[in-house]
């Protein structure tokens, strides 16, 4: 069941690409990209996808 919040639109998409390329493509029209860390043991260090988004996305990126 999708999460619903009154002020936030959430979409799920399945794509045949790398996570970074797919997210950067979607970021072109996004107001913000929110991603989670897969490995919680490396607190303070970003993974390659989060790092790439932070560097190249045309919109704000939030890593949680």
PDB file of N, CA and C in Angstrom:
ATOM      1  N   UNK A   1       0.845  -1.179   0.000  1.00  0.00           N
ATOM      2  CA  UNK A   1       0.000   0.000   0.000  1.00  0.00           C
ATOM      3  C   UNK A   1       0.892   1.244   0.000  1.00  0.00           C
ATOM      4  N   UNK A   2       0.666   2.186  -0.921  1.00  0.00           N
ATOM      5  CA  UNK A   2       1.484   3.400  -0.965  1.00  0.00           C
ATOM      6  C   UNK A   2       1.222   4.301   0.237  1.00  0.00           C
ATOM      7  N   UNK A   3       2.268   4.992   0.644  1.00  0.00           N
ATOM      8  CA  UNK A   3       2.119   5.965   1.720  1.00  0.00           C
ATOM      9  C   UNK A   3       1.444   7.208   1.159  1.00  0.00           C
ATOM     10  N   UNK A   4       0.536   7.771   1.915  1.00  0.00           N
ATOM     11  CA  UNK A   4      -0.188   8.947   1.454  1.00  0.00           C
ATOM     12  C   UNK A   4      -0.018  10.047   2.496  1.00  0.00           C
ATOM     13  N   UNK A   5       0.368  11.210   2.029  1.00  0.00           N
ATOM     14  CA  UNK A   5       0.476  12.385   2.887  1.00  0.00           C
ATOM     15  C   UNK A   5      -0.177  13.532   2.136  1.00  0.00           C
ATOM     16  N   UNK A   6      -0.892  14.361   2.830  1.00  0.00           N
ATOM     17  CA  UNK A   6      -1.681  15.406   2.188  1.00  0.00           C
ATOM     18  C   UNK A   6      -0.856  16.338   1.306  1.00  0.00           C
ATOM     19  N   UNK A   7       0.386  16.615   1.677  1.00  0.00           N
ATOM     20  CA  UNK A   7       1.170  17.610   0.948  1.00  0.00           C
ATOM     21  C   UNK A   7       2.296  17.027   0.105  1.00  0.00           C
ATOM     22  N   UNK A   8       2.406  15.717   0.021  1.00  0.00           N
ATOM     23  CA  UNK A   8       3.538  15.105  -0.662  1.00  0.00           C
ATOM     24  C   UNK A   8       3.055  14.085  -1.686  1.00  0.00           C
ATOM     25  N   UNK A   9       3.503  14.237  -2.919  1.00  0.00           N
ATOM     26  CA  UNK A   9       3.217  13.242  -3.947  1.00  0.00           C
ATOM     27  C   UNK A   9       4.361  12.247  -3.978  1.00  0.00           C
ATOM     28  N   UNK A  10       4.042  10.976  -3.932  1.00  0.00           N
ATOM     29  CA  UNK A  10       5.047   9.921  -3.956  1.00  0.00           C
ATOM     30  C   UNK A  10       4.747   9.012  -5.133  1.00  0.00           C
ATOM     31  N   UNK A  11       5.771   8.743  -5.941  1.00  0.00           N
ATOM     32  CA  UNK A  11       5.625   7.835  -7.072  1.00  0.00           C
ATOM     33  C   UNK A  11       6.625   6.709  -6.938  1.00  0.00           C
ATOM     34  N   UNK A  12       6.227   5.523  -7.334  1.00  0.00           N
ATOM     35  CA  UNK A  12       7.148   4.392  -7.401  1.00  0.00           C
ATOM     36  C   UNK A  12       7.299   4.021  -8.866  1.00  0.00           C
ATOM     37  N   UNK A  13       8.545   3.816  -9.287  1.00  0.00           N
ATOM     38  CA  UNK A  13       8.813   3.422 -10.671  1.00  0.00           C
ATOM     39  C   UNK A  13       9.860   2.331 -10.680  1.00  0.00           C
ATOM     40  N   UNK A  14       9.679   1.385 -11.568  1.00  0.00           N
ATOM     41  CA  UNK A  14      10.680   0.351 -11.778  1.00  0.00           C
ATOM     42  C   UNK A  14      11.344   0.650 -13.114  1.00  0.00           C
ATOM     43  N   UNK A  15      12.662   0.773 -13.104  1.00  0.00           N
ATOM     44  CA  UNK A  15      13.392   1.122 -14.323  1.00  0.00           C
ATOM     45  C   UNK A  15      14.521   0.125 -14.551  1.00  0.00           C
ATOM     46  N   UNK A  16      14.981   0.061 -15.764  1.00  0.00           N
ATOM     47  CA  UNK A  16      16.088  -0.809 -16.120  1.00  0.00           C
ATOM     48  C   UNK A  16      17.325   0.059 -16.342  1.00  0.00           C
ATOM     49  N   UNK A  17      17.925   0.518 -15.246  1.00  0.00           N
ATOM     50  CA  UNK A  17      19.086   1.405 -15.298  1.00  0.00           C
ATOM     51  C   UNK A  17      19.765   1.363 -13.936  1.00  0.00           C
ATOM     52  N   UNK A  18      20.887   2.032 -13.816  1.00  0.00           N
ATOM     53  CA  UNK A  18      21.514   2.132 -12.505  1.00  0.00           C
ATOM     54  C   UNK A  18      20.686   3.082 -11.641  1.00  0.00           C
ATOM     55  N   UNK A  19      20.794   2.935 -10.337  1.00  0.00           N
ATOM     56  CA  UNK A  19      20.049   3.801  -9.424  1.00  0.00           C
ATOM     57  C   UNK A  19      20.421   5.263  -9.647  1.00  0.00           C
ATOM     58  N   UNK A  20      21.706   5.541  -9.778  1.00  0.00           N
ATOM     59  CA  UNK A  20      22.141   6.936  -9.941  1.00  0.00           C
ATOM     60  C   UNK A  20      21.592   7.541 -11.218  1.00  0.00           C
ATOM     61  N   UNK A  21      21.737   6.863 -12.346  1.00  0.00           N
ATOM     62  CA  UNK A  21      21.243   7.418 -13.611  1.00  0.00           C
ATOM     63  C   UNK A  21      19.735   7.612 -13.581  1.00  0.00           C
ATOM     64  N   UNK A  22      19.007   6.639 -13.023  1.00  0.00           N
ATOM     65  CA  UNK A  22      17.552   6.750 -12.964  1.00  0.00           C
ATOM     66  C   UNK A  22      17.124   7.911 -12.070  1.00  0.00           C
ATOM     67  N   UNK A  23      17.770   8.057 -10.924  1.00  0.00           N
ATOM     68  CA  UNK A  23      17.411   9.146 -10.007  1.00  0.00           C
ATOM     69  C   UNK A  23      17.796  10.511 -10.570  1.00  0.00           C
ATOM     70  N   UNK A  24      18.944  10.599 -11.237  1.00  0.00           N
ATOM     71  CA  UNK A  24      19.330  11.876 -11.854  1.00  0.00           C
ATOM     72  C   UNK A  24      18.348  12.270 -12.949  1.00  0.00           C
ATOM     73  N   UNK A  25      17.877  11.300 -13.703  1.00  0.00           N
ATOM     74  CA  UNK A  25      16.886  11.604 -14.745  1.00  0.00           C
ATOM     75  C   UNK A  25      15.599  12.133 -14.123  1.00  0.00           C
ATOM     76  N   UNK A  26      15.146  11.495 -13.057  1.00  0.00           N
ATOM     77  CA  UNK A  26      13.925  11.948 -12.385  1.00  0.00           C
ATOM     78  C   UNK A  26      14.137  13.292 -11.684  1.00  0.00           C
ATOM     79  N   UNK A  27      15.342  13.554 -11.243  1.00  0.00           N
ATOM     80  CA  UNK A  27      15.644  14.808 -10.539  1.00  0.00           C
ATOM     81  C   UNK A  27      15.504  16.026 -11.443  1.00  0.00           C
ATOM     82  N   UNK A  28      15.566  15.808 -12.754  1.00  0.00           N
ATOM     83  CA  UNK A  28      15.428  16.928 -13.695  1.00  0.00           C
ATOM     84  C   UNK A  28      14.110  17.679 -13.500  1.00  0.00           C
ATOM     85  N   UNK A  29      13.066  16.975 -13.103  1.00  0.00           N
ATOM     86  CA  UNK A  29      11.757  17.611 -12.931  1.00  0.00           C
ATOM     87  C   UNK A  29      11.285  17.606 -11.482  1.00  0.00           C
ATOM     88  N   UNK A  30      12.149  17.175 -10.566  1.00  0.00           N
ATOM     89  CA  UNK A  30      11.765  17.078  -9.157  1.00  0.00           C
ATOM     90  C   UNK A  30      12.088  18.366  -8.408  1.00  0.00           C
ATOM     91  N   UNK A  31      11.348  18.603  -7.347  1.00  0.00           N
ATOM     92  CA  UNK A  31      11.665  19.722  -6.460  1.00  0.00           C
ATOM     93  C   UNK A  31      12.676  19.297  -5.414  1.00  0.00           C
ATOM     94  N   UNK A  32      12.738  17.984  -5.127  1.00  0.00           N
ATOM     95  CA  UNK A  32      13.675  17.452  -4.140  1.00  0.00           C
ATOM     96  C   UNK A  32      13.764  15.940  -4.339  1.00  0.00           C
ATOM     97  N   UNK A  33      14.948  15.389  -4.057  1.00  0.00           N
ATOM     98  CA  UNK A  33      15.135  13.938  -4.077  1.00  0.00           C
ATOM     99  C   UNK A  33      15.480  13.509  -2.657  1.00  0.00           C
ATOM    100  N   UNK A  34      14.769  12.497  -2.158  1.00  0.00           N
ATOM    101  CA  UNK A  34      15.021  11.964  -0.826  1.00  0.00           C
ATOM    102  C   UNK A  34      15.430  10.504  -0.984  1.00  0.00           C
ATOM    103  N   UNK A  35      16.591  10.161  -0.465  1.00  0.00           N
ATOM    104  CA  UNK A  35      17.072   8.781  -0.529  1.00  0.00           C
ATOM    105  C   UNK A  35      17.490   8.323   0.850  1.00  0.00           C
ATOM    106  N   UNK A  36      17.466   7.027   1.057  1.00  0.00           N
ATOM    107  CA  UNK A  36      17.892   6.453   2.324  1.00  0.00           C
ATOM    108  C   UNK A  36      19.243   5.782   2.173  1.00  0.00           C
ATOM    109  N   UNK A  37      19.939   5.637   3.289  1.00  0.00           N
ATOM    110  CA  UNK A  37      21.200   4.919   3.299  1.00  0.00           C
ATOM    111  C   UNK A  37      20.918   3.441   3.420  1.00  0.00           C
ATOM    112  N   UNK A  38      21.607   2.643   2.627  1.00  0.00           N
ATOM    113  CA  UNK A  38      21.423   1.195   2.699  1.00  0.00           C
ATOM    114  C   UNK A  38      22.190   0.618   3.874  1.00  0.00           C
ATOM    115  N   UNK A  39      23.359   1.169   4.148  1.00  0.00           N
ATOM    116  CA  UNK A  39      24.233   0.636   5.194  1.00  0.00           C
ATOM    117  C   UNK A  39      24.307   1.632   6.344  1.00  0.00           C
ATOM    118  N   UNK A  40      23.636   1.327   7.426  1.00  0.00           N
ATOM    119  CA  UNK A  40      23.602   2.237   8.579  1.00  0.00           C
ATOM    120  C   UNK A  40      24.883   2.182   9.408  1.00  0.00           C
ATOM    121  N   UNK A  41      25.792   1.255   9.119  1.00  0.00           N
ATOM    122  CA  UNK A  41      27.014   1.144   9.911  1.00  0.00           C
ATOM    123  C   UNK A  41      28.044   2.195   9.515  1.00  0.00           C
ATOM    124  N   UNK A  42      27.892   2.795   8.347  1.00  0.00           N
ATOM    125  CA  UNK A  42      28.860   3.802   7.903  1.00  0.00           C
ATOM    126  C   UNK A  42      28.278   5.201   8.064  1.00  0.00           C
ATOM    127  N   UNK A  43      27.854   5.516   9.265  1.00  0.00           N
ATOM    128  CA  UNK A  43      27.250   6.812   9.561  1.00  0.00           C
ATOM    129  C   UNK A  43      28.242   7.922   9.234  1.00  0.00           C
ATOM    130  N   UNK A  44      27.752   8.940   8.539  1.00  0.00           N
ATOM    131  CA  UNK A  44      28.612  10.068   8.177  1.00  0.00           C
ATOM    132  C   UNK A  44      29.264   9.923   6.822  1.00  0.00           C
ATOM    133  N   UNK A  45      29.223   8.743   6.235  1.00  0.00           N
ATOM    134  CA  UNK A  45      29.789   8.531   4.901  1.00  0.00           C
ATOM    135  C   UNK A  45      28.672   8.198   3.929  1.00  0.00           C
ATOM    136  N   UNK A  46      28.669   8.855   2.792  1.00  0.00           N
ATOM    137  CA  UNK A  46      27.646   8.603   1.790  1.00  0.00           C
ATOM    138  C   UNK A  46      28.083   7.477   0.866  1.00  0.00           C
ATOM    139  N   UNK A  47      27.116   6.708   0.396  1.00  0.00           N
ATOM    140  CA  UNK A  47      27.396   5.701  -0.612  1.00  0.00           C
ATOM    141  C   UNK A  47      27.551   6.357  -1.976  1.00  0.00           C
ATOM    142  N   UNK A  48      27.904   5.571  -2.969  1.00  0.00           N
ATOM    143  CA  UNK A  48      28.185   6.128  -4.291  1.00  0.00           C
ATOM    144  C   UNK A  48      26.960   6.782  -4.923  1.00  0.00           C
ATOM    145  N   UNK A  49      25.778   6.208  -4.739  1.00  0.00           N
ATOM    146  CA  UNK A  49      24.575   6.806  -5.320  1.00  0.00           C
ATOM    147  C   UNK A  49      24.249   8.129  -4.642  1.00  0.00           C
ATOM    148  N   UNK A  50      24.270   8.151  -3.328  1.00  0.00           N
ATOM    149  CA  UNK A  50      23.989   9.402  -2.602  1.00  0.00           C
ATOM    150  C   UNK A  50      25.019  10.470  -2.927  1.00  0.00           C
ATOM    151  N   UNK A  51      26.283  10.078  -3.001  1.00  0.00           N
ATOM    152  CA  UNK A  51      27.346  11.028  -3.348  1.00  0.00           C
ATOM    153  C   UNK A  51      27.128  11.604  -4.743  1.00  0.00           C
ATOM    154  N   UNK A  52      26.810  10.741  -5.701  1.00  0.00           N
ATOM    155  CA  UNK A  52      26.560  11.197  -7.066  1.00  0.00           C
ATOM    156  C   UNK A  52      25.380  12.132  -7.152  1.00  0.00           C
ATOM    157  N   UNK A  53      24.320  11.812  -6.427  1.00  0.00           N
ATOM    158  CA  UNK A  53      23.149  12.696  -6.406  1.00  0.00           C
ATOM    159  C   UNK A  53      23.499  14.050  -5.809  1.00  0.00           C
ATOM    160  N   UNK A  54      24.200  14.034  -4.680  1.00  0.00           N
ATOM    161  CA  UNK A  54      24.573  15.286  -4.021  1.00  0.00           C
ATOM    162  C   UNK A  54      25.428  16.155  -4.940  1.00  0.00           C
ATOM    163  N   UNK A  55      26.251  15.530  -5.749  1.00  0.00           N
ATOM    164  CA  UNK A  55      27.145  16.284  -6.624  1.00  0.00           C
ATOM    165  C   UNK A  55      26.469  16.755  -7.914  1.00  0.00           C
ATOM    166  N   UNK A  56      25.590  15.932  -8.495  1.00  0.00           N
ATOM    167  CA  UNK A  56      25.106  16.226  -9.837  1.00  0.00           C
ATOM    168  C   UNK A  56      23.622  16.547  -9.964  1.00  0.00           C
ATOM    169  N   UNK A  57      22.815  16.298  -8.959  1.00  0.00           N
ATOM    170  CA  UNK A  57      21.377  16.549  -9.083  1.00  0.00           C
ATOM    171  C   UNK A  57      21.109  18.044  -9.191  1.00  0.00           C
ATOM    172  N   UNK A  58      20.149  18.425 -10.029  1.00  0.00           N
ATOM    173  CA  UNK A  58      19.811  19.833 -10.206  1.00  0.00           C
ATOM    174  C   UNK A  58      18.855  20.360  -9.140  1.00  0.00           C
ATOM    175  N   UNK A  59      18.516  19.536  -8.150  1.00  0.00           N
ATOM    176  CA  UNK A  59      17.597  19.945  -7.095  1.00  0.00           C
ATOM    177  C   UNK A  59      18.203  19.530  -5.754  1.00  0.00           C
ATOM    178  N   UNK A  60      17.626  19.985  -4.647  1.00  0.00           N
ATOM    179  CA  UNK A  60      18.135  19.571  -3.341  1.00  0.00           C
ATOM    180  C   UNK A  60      18.038  18.053  -3.152  1.00  0.00           C
ATOM    181  N   UNK A  61      19.014  17.500  -2.430  1.00  0.00           N
ATOM    182  CA  UNK A  61      19.042  16.073  -2.140  1.00  0.00           C
ATOM    183  C   UNK A  61      19.084  15.906  -0.617  1.00  0.00           C
ATOM    184  N   UNK A  62      18.214  15.047  -0.099  1.00  0.00           N
ATOM    185  CA  UNK A  62      18.175  14.751   1.326  1.00  0.00           C
ATOM    186  C   UNK A  62      18.497  13.262   1.491  1.00  0.00           C
ATOM    187  N   UNK A  63      19.506  12.958   2.307  1.00  0.00           N
ATOM    188  CA  UNK A  63      19.869  11.577   2.576  1.00  0.00           C
ATOM    189  C   UNK A  63      19.471  11.276   4.019  1.00  0.00           C
ATOM    190  N   UNK A  64      18.628  10.250   4.189  1.00  0.00           N
ATOM    191  CA  UNK A  64      18.177   9.894   5.549  1.00  0.00           C
ATOM    192  C   UNK A  64      18.622   8.492   5.899  1.00  0.00           C
TER     193      UNK A  64
END
